[in-house]
Amino acid sequence: MAHRKGRKPKRYSQVARISVMLRRLIGGATVGELADELQVTKRQVHRDLQQLEDSGYPLEQEDGRWRLPSGFTGLEVAVSPYELMSLHLAQSHVAYLKGTSFVDDLEALIKKVEAGLPDKVRNHLERIVTTFSPLQRPIRAYAAQRQTLDSVRKALLRQLTVVLHGYRKPGERPRDYLVDPYQLILYQYGLYLVGHSHQARALRIFALERIKSITVTEDMFELPKVPLAERLDRAFGLIEEPPQEVKIWIAPEWAYFVKERSWHPTQTLKLQKDGSVILTMQCGGLDELTAWILSFGPGAKVLGPQALIENVSGQLTAAAQLYRSSR
C-alpha cells in the first residue's frame, strides 16, 4: 500500500474561497498571503477582490494590505436627511464627470441609500436634491475618457503599473509612458494622474484628457515612503519646484478676497495700515504663481523673489505692447 508523501493542497470552491477571504480581510492580508492560503494565483486574488468590491464590500488598502473597515458587520445603517444632503452635495460637485463610472457609482450608491429611507425622509427628497447647484467654469468633460478612467481606478486600487498610450504634451508628438500610478488629483475641475515615470525615473503629472488609452499590466509596485501630499504641498499648484519665500502685496480692494481663502498651507497674512495685506508663502511653481498674480491686475505686486518679479513684469510688458500695437 502506497503512502502519501505529503498533504495535498486544499482546493476551495469559489463560494468557500470568498468566505475564507472575507474572514481574512477582517484583520487584513496582502495579495500574496491570500494567494498562498487559498492556493490560487495573485491574478485570481485580484479578480476575487474586484468581485467583492463590485458586490458592495468597502475594502480598504494601505501599504499593500487589504482589509475591511474596523467594526464592519455588513449590516445596513440608518441615514439622516443631513447625511443624504451631503451625498447630493458630493454628487453636484462632480457633475462635470457625468458619463463616467465615478458618477455612475455615486448615483447607484445614492439610490441604494434612498431605497431604505423612511417615508418621512423620502417625501423631502425633491427639496434635498435641489439644495445645491454647482457653478463650475471652465470645466472639462470626461465622458469620452470613461474607459481611461476605469483603467486608472483599477490600477490605483490594485497598485498595478500602467502604459499610457499616445500621451500628448502641448507642442510635442504623442508618446507612450510606463507609469506606476500613485494618485488621481482633482485640480481646478481637471483630473491629473500622479505617478512614477519609468522613462524619467521621477515623479510626473499627466493630464487625463491627453491620454489616448491605457493598458493595465499585471506588475505590482510599491508606494513611495514619503507621502505624496508632502511633495505636493511644496508647490503653489501642480508644478513641483524647490520651495522659496514668495511675498506679494495685495491692494485694499482685493484684501478681503485673499483673507477669506487659504491659498497655501504655509501662508501668512500681514495687515497693513492702508487696508492692504502682504501674503507670504513658502512654495514653488513660478509659472502658476505668475498666472494667479496677473489675475489681480494692478491689485497685486510681487515683492519677491526676483525671478517671480521678472516673470510678472515681463508678462505685463508684453500684454501692454500687444494692446499698443493693435491701435
C-alpha atoms as a PDB file:
ATOM      1  CA  MET A   1       0.000   0.000   0.000  1.00  0.00           C
ATOM      2  CA  ALA A   2       1.428   3.338  -1.069  1.00  0.00           C
ATOM      3  CA  HIS A   3       1.733   6.066   1.488  1.00  0.00           C
ATOM      4  CA  ARG A   4       1.122   9.727   0.694  1.00  0.00           C
ATOM      5  CA  LYS A   5       4.350  11.690   0.993  1.00  0.00           C
ATOM      6  CA  GLY A   6       2.676  14.984   1.730  1.00  0.00           C
ATOM      7  CA  ARG A   7      -0.622  16.675   2.286  1.00  0.00           C
ATOM      8  CA  LYS A   8      -2.392  17.580  -0.921  1.00  0.00           C
ATOM      9  CA  PRO A   9      -3.120  21.333  -1.096  1.00  0.00           C
ATOM     10  CA  LYS A  10      -6.689  22.067  -0.150  1.00  0.00           C
ATOM     11  CA  ARG A  11      -8.864  23.213  -3.033  1.00  0.00           C
ATOM     12  CA  TYR A  12     -11.603  25.755  -2.356  1.00  0.00           C
ATOM     13  CA  SER A  13     -14.773  26.288  -4.315  1.00  0.00           C
ATOM     14  CA  GLN A  14     -15.390  29.903  -5.330  1.00  0.00           C
ATOM     15  CA  VAL A  15     -18.005  30.340  -2.587  1.00  0.00           C
ATOM     16  CA  ALA A  16     -15.697  28.838   0.050  1.00  0.00           C
ATOM     17  CA  ARG A  17     -12.760  30.896  -1.241  1.00  0.00           C
ATOM     18  CA  ILE A  18     -14.716  34.160  -0.961  1.00  0.00           C
ATOM     19  CA  SER A  19     -15.892  33.184   2.529  1.00  0.00           C
ATOM     20  CA  VAL A  20     -12.321  32.499   3.698  1.00  0.00           C
ATOM     21  CA  MET A  21     -11.128  35.705   2.077  1.00  0.00           C
ATOM     22  CA  LEU A  22     -13.745  37.781   3.917  1.00  0.00           C
ATOM     23  CA  ARG A  23     -12.656  36.311   7.258  1.00  0.00           C
ATOM     24  CA  ARG A  24      -9.005  37.068   6.489  1.00  0.00           C
ATOM     25  CA  LEU A  25      -9.800  40.602   5.382  1.00  0.00           C
ATOM     26  CA  ILE A  26     -11.209  41.453   8.812  1.00  0.00           C
ATOM     27  CA  GLY A  27      -7.650  41.517  10.137  1.00  0.00           C
ATOM     28  CA  GLY A  28      -6.010  42.469   6.843  1.00  0.00           C
ATOM     29  CA  ALA A  29      -3.891  40.499   4.371  1.00  0.00           C
ATOM     30  CA  THR A  30      -1.676  41.036   1.346  1.00  0.00           C
ATOM     31  CA  VAL A  31      -2.459  39.630  -2.093  1.00  0.00           C
ATOM     32  CA  GLY A  32       0.478  37.236  -1.699  1.00  0.00           C
ATOM     33  CA  GLU A  33      -0.750  35.950   1.672  1.00  0.00           C
ATOM     34  CA  LEU A  34      -4.239  35.341   0.283  1.00  0.00           C
ATOM     35  CA  ALA A  35      -2.839  33.569  -2.777  1.00  0.00           C
ATOM     36  CA  ASP A  36      -0.689  31.258  -0.614  1.00  0.00           C
ATOM     37  CA  GLU A  37      -3.504  30.389   1.780  1.00  0.00           C
ATOM     38  CA  LEU A  38      -6.118  29.823  -0.924  1.00  0.00           C
ATOM     39  CA  GLN A  39      -3.706  28.049  -3.312  1.00  0.00           C
ATOM     40  CA  VAL A  40      -4.574  30.331  -6.228  1.00  0.00           C
ATOM     41  CA  THR A  41      -2.680  32.834  -8.341  1.00  0.00           C
ATOM     42  CA  LYS A  42      -2.336  36.505  -7.438  1.00  0.00           C
ATOM     43  CA  ARG A  43      -4.350  37.292 -10.555  1.00  0.00           C
ATOM     44  CA  GLN A  44      -7.235  35.211  -9.174  1.00  0.00           C
ATOM     45  CA  VAL A  45      -6.986  37.058  -5.845  1.00  0.00           C
ATOM     46  CA  HIS A  46      -7.234  40.372  -7.704  1.00  0.00           C
ATOM     47  CA  ARG A  47     -10.343  39.106  -9.509  1.00  0.00           C
ATOM     48  CA  ASP A  48     -11.903  37.994  -6.215  1.00  0.00           C
ATOM     49  CA  LEU A  49     -11.155  41.368  -4.598  1.00  0.00           C
ATOM     50  CA  GLN A  50     -12.762  43.098  -7.576  1.00  0.00           C
ATOM     51  CA  GLN A  51     -15.842  40.877  -7.201  1.00  0.00           C
ATOM     52  CA  LEU A  52     -16.096  41.771  -3.502  1.00  0.00           C
ATOM     53  CA  GLU A  53     -15.900  45.489  -4.298  1.00  0.00           C
ATOM     54  CA  ASP A  54     -18.491  45.135  -7.061  1.00  0.00           C
ATOM     55  CA  SER A  55     -20.752  43.425  -4.513  1.00  0.00           C
ATOM     56  CA  GLY A  56     -20.564  46.441  -2.221  1.00  0.00           C
ATOM     57  CA  TYR A  57     -17.898  45.449   0.310  1.00  0.00           C
ATOM     58  CA  PRO A  58     -15.964  48.606   1.335  1.00  0.00           C
ATOM     59  CA  LEU A  59     -12.425  47.234   1.005  1.00  0.00           C
ATOM     60  CA  GLU A  60      -9.513  49.387   2.125  1.00  0.00           C
ATOM     61  CA  GLN A  61      -5.847  49.175   1.130  1.00  0.00           C
ATOM     62  CA  GLU A  62      -2.802  50.523   2.921  1.00  0.00           C
ATOM     63  CA  ASP A  63       0.860  49.564   2.494  1.00  0.00           C
ATOM     64  CA  GLY A  64      -0.119  46.644   0.276  1.00  0.00           C
ATOM     65  CA  ARG A  65      -2.551  45.134   2.818  1.00  0.00           C
ATOM     66  CA  TRP A  66      -6.248  44.746   2.049  1.00  0.00           C
ATOM     67  CA  ARG A  67      -8.836  44.830   4.827  1.00  0.00           C
ATOM     68  CA  LEU A  68     -12.428  45.506   5.702  1.00  0.00           C
ATOM     69  CA  PRO A  69     -13.051  48.660   7.772  1.00  0.00           C
ATOM     70  CA  SER A  70     -12.760  48.290  11.535  1.00  0.00           C
ATOM     71  CA  GLY A  71     -16.114  47.300  13.014  1.00  0.00           C
ATOM     72  CA  PHE A  72     -17.637  46.369   9.648  1.00  0.00           C
ATOM     73  CA  THR A  73     -20.503  43.903  10.056  1.00  0.00           C
ATOM     74  CA  GLY A  74     -22.248  44.163   6.697  1.00  0.00           C
ATOM     75  CA  LEU A  75     -25.383  45.464   8.369  1.00  0.00           C
ATOM     76  CA  GLU A  76     -27.373  48.378   6.945  1.00  0.00           C
ATOM     77  CA  VAL A  77     -27.045  51.712   8.700  1.00  0.00           C
ATOM     78  CA  ALA A  78     -29.595  54.454   9.135  1.00  0.00           C
ATOM     79  CA  VAL A  79     -29.074  57.620   7.093  1.00  0.00           C
ATOM     80  CA  SER A  80     -30.240  61.039   8.234  1.00  0.00           C
ATOM     81  CA  PRO A  81     -31.562  63.740   5.856  1.00  0.00           C
ATOM     82  CA  TYR A  82     -28.397  65.764   6.553  1.00  0.00           C
ATOM     83  CA  GLU A  83     -26.154  62.832   5.566  1.00  0.00           C
ATOM     84  CA  LEU A  84     -28.194  62.377   2.403  1.00  0.00           C
ATOM     85  CA  MET A  85     -27.853  66.101   1.726  1.00  0.00           C
ATOM     86  CA  SER A  86     -24.067  65.706   1.968  1.00  0.00           C
ATOM     87  CA  LEU A  87     -24.191  62.860  -0.563  1.00  0.00           C
ATOM     88  CA  HIS A  88     -26.093  65.057  -3.011  1.00  0.00           C
ATOM     89  CA  LEU A  89     -23.590  67.853  -2.423  1.00  0.00           C
ATOM     90  CA  ALA A  90     -20.799  65.452  -3.408  1.00  0.00           C
ATOM     91  CA  GLN A  91     -22.778  64.409  -6.464  1.00  0.00           C
ATOM     92  CA  SER A  92     -23.325  68.002  -7.586  1.00  0.00           C
ATOM     93  CA  HIS A  93     -19.650  68.826  -7.080  1.00  0.00           C
ATOM     94  CA  VAL A  94     -18.556  66.177  -9.603  1.00  0.00           C
ATOM     95  CA  ALA A  95     -21.254  66.948 -12.172  1.00  0.00           C
ATOM     96  CA  TYR A  96     -18.590  67.533 -14.831  1.00  0.00           C
ATOM     97  CA  LEU A  97     -17.686  63.821 -14.525  1.00  0.00           C
ATOM     98  CA  LYS A  98     -21.138  62.863 -15.859  1.00  0.00           C
ATOM     99  CA  GLY A  99     -20.868  59.821 -18.100  1.00  0.00           C
ATOM    100  CA  THR A 100     -18.002  58.260 -16.130  1.00  0.00           C
ATOM    101  CA  SER A 101     -18.008  55.403 -13.631  1.00  0.00           C
ATOM    102  CA  PHE A 102     -17.337  57.834 -10.775  1.00  0.00           C
ATOM    103  CA  VAL A 103     -20.738  59.492 -11.178  1.00  0.00           C
ATOM    104  CA  ASP A 104     -22.473  56.221 -12.084  1.00  0.00           C
ATOM    105  CA  ASP A 105     -21.221  54.620  -8.859  1.00  0.00           C
ATOM    106  CA  LEU A 106     -22.180  57.637  -6.788  1.00  0.00           C
ATOM    107  CA  GLU A 107     -25.673  57.688  -8.281  1.00  0.00           C
ATOM    108  CA  ALA A 108     -26.025  53.944  -7.628  1.00  0.00           C
ATOM    109  CA  LEU A 109     -24.940  54.462  -4.014  1.00  0.00           C
ATOM    110  CA  ILE A 110     -27.470  57.255  -3.513  1.00  0.00           C
ATOM    111  CA  LYS A 111     -30.249  55.090  -4.976  1.00  0.00           C
ATOM    112  CA  LYS A 112     -29.342  52.267  -2.577  1.00  0.00           C
ATOM    113  CA  VAL A 113     -29.490  54.683   0.332  1.00  0.00           C
ATOM    114  CA  GLU A 114     -32.767  56.238  -0.809  1.00  0.00           C
ATOM    115  CA  ALA A 115     -34.392  52.821  -1.238  1.00  0.00           C
ATOM    116  CA  GLY A 116     -34.158  52.221   2.505  1.00  0.00           C
ATOM    117  CA  LEU A 117     -35.372  55.638   3.620  1.00  0.00           C
ATOM    118  CA  PRO A 118     -38.488  56.045   5.728  1.00  0.00           C
ATOM    119  CA  ASP A 119     -41.448  57.762   4.048  1.00  0.00           C
ATOM    120  CA  LYS A 120     -40.942  60.947   6.065  1.00  0.00           C
ATOM    121  CA  VAL A 121     -37.453  61.442   4.661  1.00  0.00           C
ATOM    122  CA  ARG A 122     -38.398  60.253   1.172  1.00  0.00           C
ATOM    123  CA  ASN A 123     -41.053  62.978   0.984  1.00  0.00           C
ATOM    124  CA  HIS A 124     -38.282  65.578   1.337  1.00  0.00           C
ATOM    125  CA  LEU A 125     -36.108  64.121  -1.436  1.00  0.00           C
ATOM    126  CA  GLU A 126     -37.027  66.758  -4.007  1.00  0.00           C
ATOM    127  CA  ARG A 127     -36.009  69.522  -1.615  1.00  0.00           C
ATOM    128  CA  ILE A 128     -32.779  67.704  -0.684  1.00  0.00           C
ATOM    129  CA  VAL A 129     -31.815  67.179  -4.337  1.00  0.00           C
ATOM    130  CA  THR A 130     -32.253  70.880  -5.201  1.00  0.00           C
ATOM    131  CA  THR A 131     -30.416  72.180  -2.132  1.00  0.00           C
ATOM    132  CA  PHE A 132     -27.142  72.593  -4.038  1.00  0.00           C
ATOM    133  CA  SER A 133     -26.483  73.989  -7.504  1.00  0.00           C
ATOM    134  CA  PRO A 134     -22.886  73.802  -8.762  1.00  0.00           C
ATOM    135  CA  LEU A 135     -21.483  76.627 -10.881  1.00  0.00           C
ATOM    136  CA  GLN A 136     -18.226  75.302 -12.289  1.00  0.00           C
ATOM    137  CA  ARG A 137     -16.466  77.208 -15.075  1.00  0.00           C
ATOM    138  CA  PRO A 138     -14.463  76.395 -17.017  1.00  0.00           C
ATOM    139  CA  ILE A 139     -14.889  72.627 -16.847  1.00  0.00           C
ATOM    140  CA  ARG A 140     -13.632  69.682 -18.853  1.00  0.00           C
ATOM    141  CA  ALA A 141     -15.963  66.903 -19.995  1.00  0.00           C
ATOM    142  CA  TYR A 142     -14.630  63.428 -19.197  1.00  0.00           C
ATOM    143  CA  ALA A 143     -17.361  61.177 -20.611  1.00  0.00           C
ATOM    144  CA  ALA A 144     -15.141  60.399 -23.628  1.00  0.00           C
ATOM    145  CA  GLN A 145     -12.416  59.202 -21.218  1.00  0.00           C
ATOM    146  CA  ARG A 146     -14.684  56.681 -19.469  1.00  0.00           C
ATOM    147  CA  GLN A 147     -12.543  53.642 -20.349  1.00  0.00           C
ATOM    148  CA  THR A 148      -9.378  55.530 -19.410  1.00  0.00           C
ATOM    149  CA  LEU A 149     -10.855  56.414 -16.023  1.00  0.00           C
ATOM    150  CA  ASP A 150     -11.963  52.827 -15.425  1.00  0.00           C
ATOM    151  CA  SER A 151      -8.416  51.621 -16.108  1.00  0.00           C
ATOM    152  CA  VAL A 152      -6.979  54.302 -13.819  1.00  0.00           C
ATOM    153  CA  ARG A 153      -9.301  53.274 -10.984  1.00  0.00           C
ATOM    154  CA  LYS A 154      -8.307  49.623 -11.315  1.00  0.00           C
ATOM    155  CA  ALA A 155      -4.588  50.425 -11.416  1.00  0.00           C
ATOM    156  CA  LEU A 156      -4.760  52.755  -8.412  1.00  0.00           C
ATOM    157  CA  LEU A 157      -6.657  50.289  -6.230  1.00  0.00           C
ATOM    158  CA  ARG A 158      -4.522  47.300  -7.236  1.00  0.00           C
ATOM    159  CA  GLN A 159      -1.160  49.150  -7.328  1.00  0.00           C
ATOM    160  CA  LEU A 160      -0.529  47.971 -10.881  1.00  0.00           C
ATOM    161  CA  THR A 161       1.843  49.588 -13.379  1.00  0.00           C
ATOM    162  CA  VAL A 162       0.191  51.080 -16.486  1.00  0.00           C
ATOM    163  CA  VAL A 163       1.169  52.059 -20.000  1.00  0.00           C
ATOM    164  CA  LEU A 164      -0.153  55.453 -21.068  1.00  0.00           C
ATOM    165  CA  HIS A 165      -0.629  55.278 -24.838  1.00  0.00           C
ATOM    166  CA  GLY A 166      -0.408  58.345 -27.063  1.00  0.00           C
ATOM    167  CA  TYR A 167       0.067  60.921 -24.325  1.00  0.00           C
ATOM    168  CA  ARG A 168       0.088  64.371 -25.935  1.00  0.00           C
ATOM    169  CA  LYS A 169       2.200  67.127 -24.425  1.00  0.00           C
ATOM    170  CA  PRO A 170       1.468  70.556 -25.949  1.00  0.00           C
ATOM    171  CA  GLY A 171       3.675  71.082 -28.976  1.00  0.00           C
ATOM    172  CA  GLU A 172       5.104  67.540 -28.931  1.00  0.00           C
ATOM    173  CA  ARG A 173       4.312  64.269 -30.694  1.00  0.00           C
ATOM    174  CA  PRO A 174       2.284  61.639 -28.779  1.00  0.00           C
ATOM    175  CA  ARG A 175       4.370  59.194 -26.736  1.00  0.00           C
ATOM    176  CA  ASP A 176       3.852  56.106 -24.611  1.00  0.00           C
ATOM    177  CA  TYR A 177       4.821  56.177 -20.934  1.00  0.00           C
ATOM    178  CA  LEU A 178       5.303  53.342 -18.438  1.00  0.00           C
ATOM    179  CA  VAL A 179       3.999  54.658 -15.116  1.00  0.00           C
ATOM    180  CA  ASP A 180       3.420  53.499 -11.540  1.00  0.00           C
ATOM    181  CA  PRO A 181       0.211  55.414 -10.684  1.00  0.00           C
ATOM    182  CA  TYR A 182       0.168  56.872  -7.177  1.00  0.00           C
ATOM    183  CA  GLN A 183      -2.801  59.212  -7.031  1.00  0.00           C
ATOM    184  CA  LEU A 184      -5.604  60.846  -9.031  1.00  0.00           C
ATOM    185  CA  ILE A 185      -5.769  64.573  -8.305  1.00  0.00           C
ATOM    186  CA  LEU A 186      -8.687  66.942  -8.860  1.00  0.00           C
ATOM    187  CA  TYR A 187      -7.294  70.400  -9.604  1.00  0.00           C
ATOM    188  CA  GLN A 188      -9.394  73.293 -10.909  1.00  0.00           C
ATOM    189  CA  TYR A 189     -12.046  70.891 -12.271  1.00  0.00           C
ATOM    190  CA  GLY A 190      -9.431  68.828 -14.085  1.00  0.00           C
ATOM    191  CA  LEU A 191      -8.163  65.303 -13.345  1.00  0.00           C
ATOM    192  CA  TYR A 192      -4.444  64.566 -13.176  1.00  0.00           C
ATOM    193  CA  LEU A 193      -2.677  61.245 -12.686  1.00  0.00           C
ATOM    194  CA  VAL A 194       0.424  61.476 -10.495  1.00  0.00           C
ATOM    195  CA  GLY A 195       2.936  58.668 -10.642  1.00  0.00           C
ATOM    196  CA  HIS A 196       6.483  57.454 -11.181  1.00  0.00           C
ATOM    197  CA  SER A 197       7.542  57.624 -14.823  1.00  0.00           C
ATOM    198  CA  HIS A 198       9.896  54.748 -15.673  1.00  0.00           C
ATOM    199  CA  GLN A 199      11.389  56.738 -18.556  1.00  0.00           C
ATOM    200  CA  ALA A 200      12.138  59.836 -16.477  1.00  0.00           C
ATOM    201  CA  ARG A 201      12.805  57.846 -13.273  1.00  0.00           C
ATOM    202  CA  ALA A 202      10.976  60.591 -11.423  1.00  0.00           C
ATOM    203  CA  LEU A 203       7.537  61.750 -10.338  1.00  0.00           C
ATOM    204  CA  ARG A 204       5.436  63.105 -13.193  1.00  0.00           C
ATOM    205  CA  ILE A 205       1.913  64.500 -13.594  1.00  0.00           C
ATOM    206  CA  PHE A 206      -0.294  63.526 -16.549  1.00  0.00           C
ATOM    207  CA  ALA A 207      -3.485  65.361 -17.587  1.00  0.00           C
ATOM    208  CA  LEU A 208      -6.135  62.690 -18.051  1.00  0.00           C
ATOM    209  CA  GLU A 209      -7.697  64.201 -21.189  1.00  0.00           C
ATOM    210  CA  ARG A 210      -4.343  63.964 -23.012  1.00  0.00           C
ATOM    211  CA  ILE A 211      -4.164  60.168 -22.618  1.00  0.00           C
ATOM    212  CA  LYS A 212      -5.394  58.279 -25.692  1.00  0.00           C
ATOM    213  CA  SER A 213      -5.738  54.916 -23.915  1.00  0.00           C
ATOM    214  CA  ILE A 214      -4.312  52.892 -21.009  1.00  0.00           C
ATOM    215  CA  THR A 215      -3.091  49.328 -20.646  1.00  0.00           C
ATOM    216  CA  VAL A 216      -3.080  47.978 -17.093  1.00  0.00           C
ATOM    217  CA  THR A 217      -0.270  45.468 -16.609  1.00  0.00           C
ATOM    218  CA  GLU A 218      -0.049  42.668 -14.022  1.00  0.00           C
ATOM    219  CA  ASP A 219       3.099  44.195 -12.472  1.00  0.00           C
ATOM    220  CA  MET A 220       2.638  45.441  -8.908  1.00  0.00           C
ATOM    221  CA  PHE A 221       4.676  48.315  -7.466  1.00  0.00           C
ATOM    222  CA  GLU A 222       5.452  49.688  -4.016  1.00  0.00           C
ATOM    223  CA  LEU A 223       4.136  53.085  -2.960  1.00  0.00           C
ATOM    224  CA  PRO A 224       6.751  55.724  -2.018  1.00  0.00           C
ATOM    225  CA  LYS A 225       7.612  56.044   1.660  1.00  0.00           C
ATOM    226  CA  VAL A 226       7.351  59.842   1.558  1.00  0.00           C
ATOM    227  CA  PRO A 227       3.629  60.765   1.468  1.00  0.00           C
ATOM    228  CA  LEU A 228       2.716  62.331  -1.859  1.00  0.00           C
ATOM    229  CA  ALA A 229       0.810  65.106  -0.084  1.00  0.00           C
ATOM    230  CA  GLU A 230       4.068  66.403   1.424  1.00  0.00           C
ATOM    231  CA  ARG A 231       5.596  66.791  -2.028  1.00  0.00           C
ATOM    232  CA  LEU A 232       2.520  68.483  -3.457  1.00  0.00           C
ATOM    233  CA  ASP A 233       2.406  70.953  -0.564  1.00  0.00           C
ATOM    234  CA  ARG A 234       5.701  72.399  -1.761  1.00  0.00           C
ATOM    235  CA  ALA A 235       4.057  73.739  -4.919  1.00  0.00           C
ATOM    236  CA  PHE A 236       1.537  76.520  -5.377  1.00  0.00           C
ATOM    237  CA  GLY A 237      -0.334  74.357  -7.886  1.00  0.00           C
ATOM    238  CA  LEU A 238       0.753  71.153  -9.609  1.00  0.00           C
ATOM    239  CA  ILE A 239       4.229  72.085 -10.826  1.00  0.00           C
ATOM    240  CA  GLU A 240       6.840  70.832  -8.357  1.00  0.00           C
ATOM    241  CA  GLU A 241       9.795  73.182  -7.873  1.00  0.00           C
ATOM    242  CA  PRO A 242      12.104  73.860  -4.907  1.00  0.00           C
ATOM    243  CA  PRO A 243      10.126  75.998  -2.426  1.00  0.00           C
ATOM    244  CA  GLN A 244      11.215  79.577  -1.804  1.00  0.00           C
ATOM    245  CA  GLU A 245       9.772  82.563   0.005  1.00  0.00           C
ATOM    246  CA  VAL A 246       7.110  84.276  -2.069  1.00  0.00           C
ATOM    247  CA  LYS A 247       5.898  87.675  -0.902  1.00  0.00           C
ATOM    248  CA  ILE A 248       3.022  89.527  -2.570  1.00  0.00           C
ATOM    249  CA  TRP A 249       1.369  92.862  -1.751  1.00  0.00           C
ATOM    250  CA  ILE A 250      -2.417  92.772  -2.176  1.00  0.00           C
ATOM    251  CA  ALA A 251      -4.320  96.065  -2.629  1.00  0.00           C
ATOM    252  CA  PRO A 252      -7.083  97.039  -0.137  1.00  0.00           C
ATOM    253  CA  GLU A 253      -9.869  96.353  -2.668  1.00  0.00           C
ATOM    254  CA  TRP A 254      -8.668  92.730  -3.002  1.00  0.00           C
ATOM    255  CA  ALA A 255      -7.600  92.188   0.608  1.00  0.00           C
ATOM    256  CA  TYR A 256     -10.966  90.723   1.693  1.00  0.00           C
ATOM    257  CA  PHE A 257     -10.851  88.216  -1.184  1.00  0.00           C
ATOM    258  CA  VAL A 258      -7.385  86.977  -0.204  1.00  0.00           C
ATOM    259  CA  LYS A 259      -8.067  86.921   3.547  1.00  0.00           C
ATOM    260  CA  GLU A 260     -11.189  84.788   3.157  1.00  0.00           C
ATOM    261  CA  ARG A 261      -9.333  81.954   1.417  1.00  0.00           C
ATOM    262  CA  SER A 262      -6.464  79.602   2.076  1.00  0.00           C
ATOM    263  CA  TRP A 263      -4.041  79.746  -0.850  1.00  0.00           C
ATOM    264  CA  HIS A 264      -1.240  77.550   0.514  1.00  0.00           C
ATOM    265  CA  PRO A 265      -0.536  75.556   3.717  1.00  0.00           C
ATOM    266  CA  THR A 266       2.423  77.824   4.589  1.00  0.00           C
ATOM    267  CA  GLN A 267       0.737  81.192   4.008  1.00  0.00           C
ATOM    268  CA  THR A 268       0.836  84.099   6.461  1.00  0.00           C
ATOM    269  CA  LEU A 269      -1.019  87.403   6.095  1.00  0.00           C
ATOM    270  CA  LYS A 270       0.168  90.734   7.444  1.00  0.00           C
ATOM    271  CA  LEU A 271      -2.401  93.519   7.519  1.00  0.00           C
ATOM    272  CA  GLN A 272      -1.147  96.989   6.526  1.00  0.00           C
ATOM    273  CA  LYS A 273      -2.384 100.383   7.821  1.00  0.00           C
ATOM    274  CA  ASP A 274      -3.983 101.283   4.475  1.00  0.00           C
ATOM    275  CA  GLY A 275      -6.066  98.064   4.475  1.00  0.00           C
ATOM    276  CA  SER A 276      -3.794  96.159   2.110  1.00  0.00           C
ATOM    277  CA  VAL A 277      -2.189  92.840   3.083  1.00  0.00           C
ATOM    278  CA  ILE A 278       1.135  91.161   2.419  1.00  0.00           C
ATOM    279  CA  LEU A 279       0.800  87.460   1.630  1.00  0.00           C
ATOM    280  CA  THR A 280       3.872  85.312   2.315  1.00  0.00           C
ATOM    281  CA  MET A 281       4.235  81.652   1.287  1.00  0.00           C
ATOM    282  CA  GLN A 282       6.984  79.046   1.032  1.00  0.00           C
ATOM    283  CA  CYS A 283       6.334  77.350  -2.302  1.00  0.00           C
ATOM    284  CA  GLY A 284       7.459  76.673  -5.869  1.00  0.00           C
ATOM    285  CA  GLY A 285       5.686  76.825  -9.203  1.00  0.00           C
ATOM    286  CA  LEU A 286       6.614  80.271 -10.578  1.00  0.00           C
ATOM    287  CA  ASP A 287       4.573  79.896 -13.785  1.00  0.00           C
ATOM    288  CA  GLU A 288       1.376  79.092 -11.872  1.00  0.00           C
ATOM    289  CA  LEU A 289       2.090  81.891  -9.391  1.00  0.00           C
ATOM    290  CA  THR A 290       2.595  84.311 -12.279  1.00  0.00           C
ATOM    291  CA  ALA A 291      -0.789  83.484 -13.823  1.00  0.00           C
ATOM    292  CA  TRP A 292      -2.513  83.840 -10.449  1.00  0.00           C
ATOM    293  CA  ILE A 293      -0.900  87.215  -9.659  1.00  0.00           C
ATOM    294  CA  LEU A 294      -1.782  88.564 -13.114  1.00  0.00           C
ATOM    295  CA  SER A 295      -5.446  87.794 -12.424  1.00  0.00           C
ATOM    296  CA  PHE A 296      -5.462  90.655  -9.887  1.00  0.00           C
ATOM    297  CA  GLY A 297      -4.324  93.213 -12.469  1.00  0.00           C
ATOM    298  CA  PRO A 298      -2.987  96.297 -10.655  1.00  0.00           C
ATOM    299  CA  GLY A 299      -4.329  94.892  -7.370  1.00  0.00           C
ATOM    300  CA  ALA A 300      -1.193  92.846  -6.657  1.00  0.00           C
ATOM    301  CA  LYS A 301       2.548  93.465  -6.680  1.00  0.00           C
ATOM    302  CA  VAL A 302       5.300  90.886  -6.240  1.00  0.00           C
ATOM    303  CA  LEU A 303       7.840  91.777  -3.536  1.00  0.00           C
ATOM    304  CA  GLY A 304       9.964  88.670  -4.024  1.00  0.00           C
ATOM    305  CA  PRO A 305      11.632  86.535  -5.239  1.00  0.00           C
ATOM    306  CA  GLN A 306      13.327  88.376  -8.094  1.00  0.00           C
ATOM    307  CA  ALA A 307      12.572  85.620 -10.621  1.00  0.00           C
ATOM    308  CA  LEU A 308       8.848  85.983  -9.950  1.00  0.00           C
ATOM    309  CA  ILE A 309       9.065  89.782 -10.224  1.00  0.00           C
ATOM    310  CA  GLU A 310      10.686  89.405 -13.638  1.00  0.00           C
ATOM    311  CA  ASN A 311       8.084  86.835 -14.761  1.00  0.00           C
ATOM    312  CA  VAL A 312       5.140  89.050 -13.857  1.00  0.00           C
ATOM    313  CA  SER A 313       6.637  92.311 -15.142  1.00  0.00           C
ATOM    314  CA  GLY A 314       7.633  90.626 -18.405  1.00  0.00           C
ATOM    315  CA  GLN A 315       4.089  89.356 -18.942  1.00  0.00           C
ATOM    316  CA  LEU A 316       2.604  92.783 -18.189  1.00  0.00           C
ATOM    317  CA  THR A 317       5.022  94.488 -20.569  1.00  0.00           C
ATOM    318  CA  ALA A 318       4.217  92.018 -23.360  1.00  0.00           C
ATOM    319  CA  ALA A 319       0.472  92.449 -22.800  1.00  0.00           C
ATOM    320  CA  ALA A 320       0.740  96.235 -22.852  1.00  0.00           C
ATOM    321  CA  GLN A 321       2.762  96.058 -26.078  1.00  0.00           C
ATOM    322  CA  LEU A 322       0.107  93.833 -27.637  1.00  0.00           C
ATOM    323  CA  TYR A 323      -2.596  96.413 -26.916  1.00  0.00           C
ATOM    324  CA  ARG A 324      -0.438  99.300 -28.140  1.00  0.00           C
ATOM    325  CA  SER A 325       0.282  97.535 -31.428  1.00  0.00           C
ATOM    326  CA  SER A 326      -3.411  96.903 -32.041  1.00  0.00           C
ATOM    327  CA  ARG A 327      -4.331 100.604 -32.150  1.00  0.00           C
END
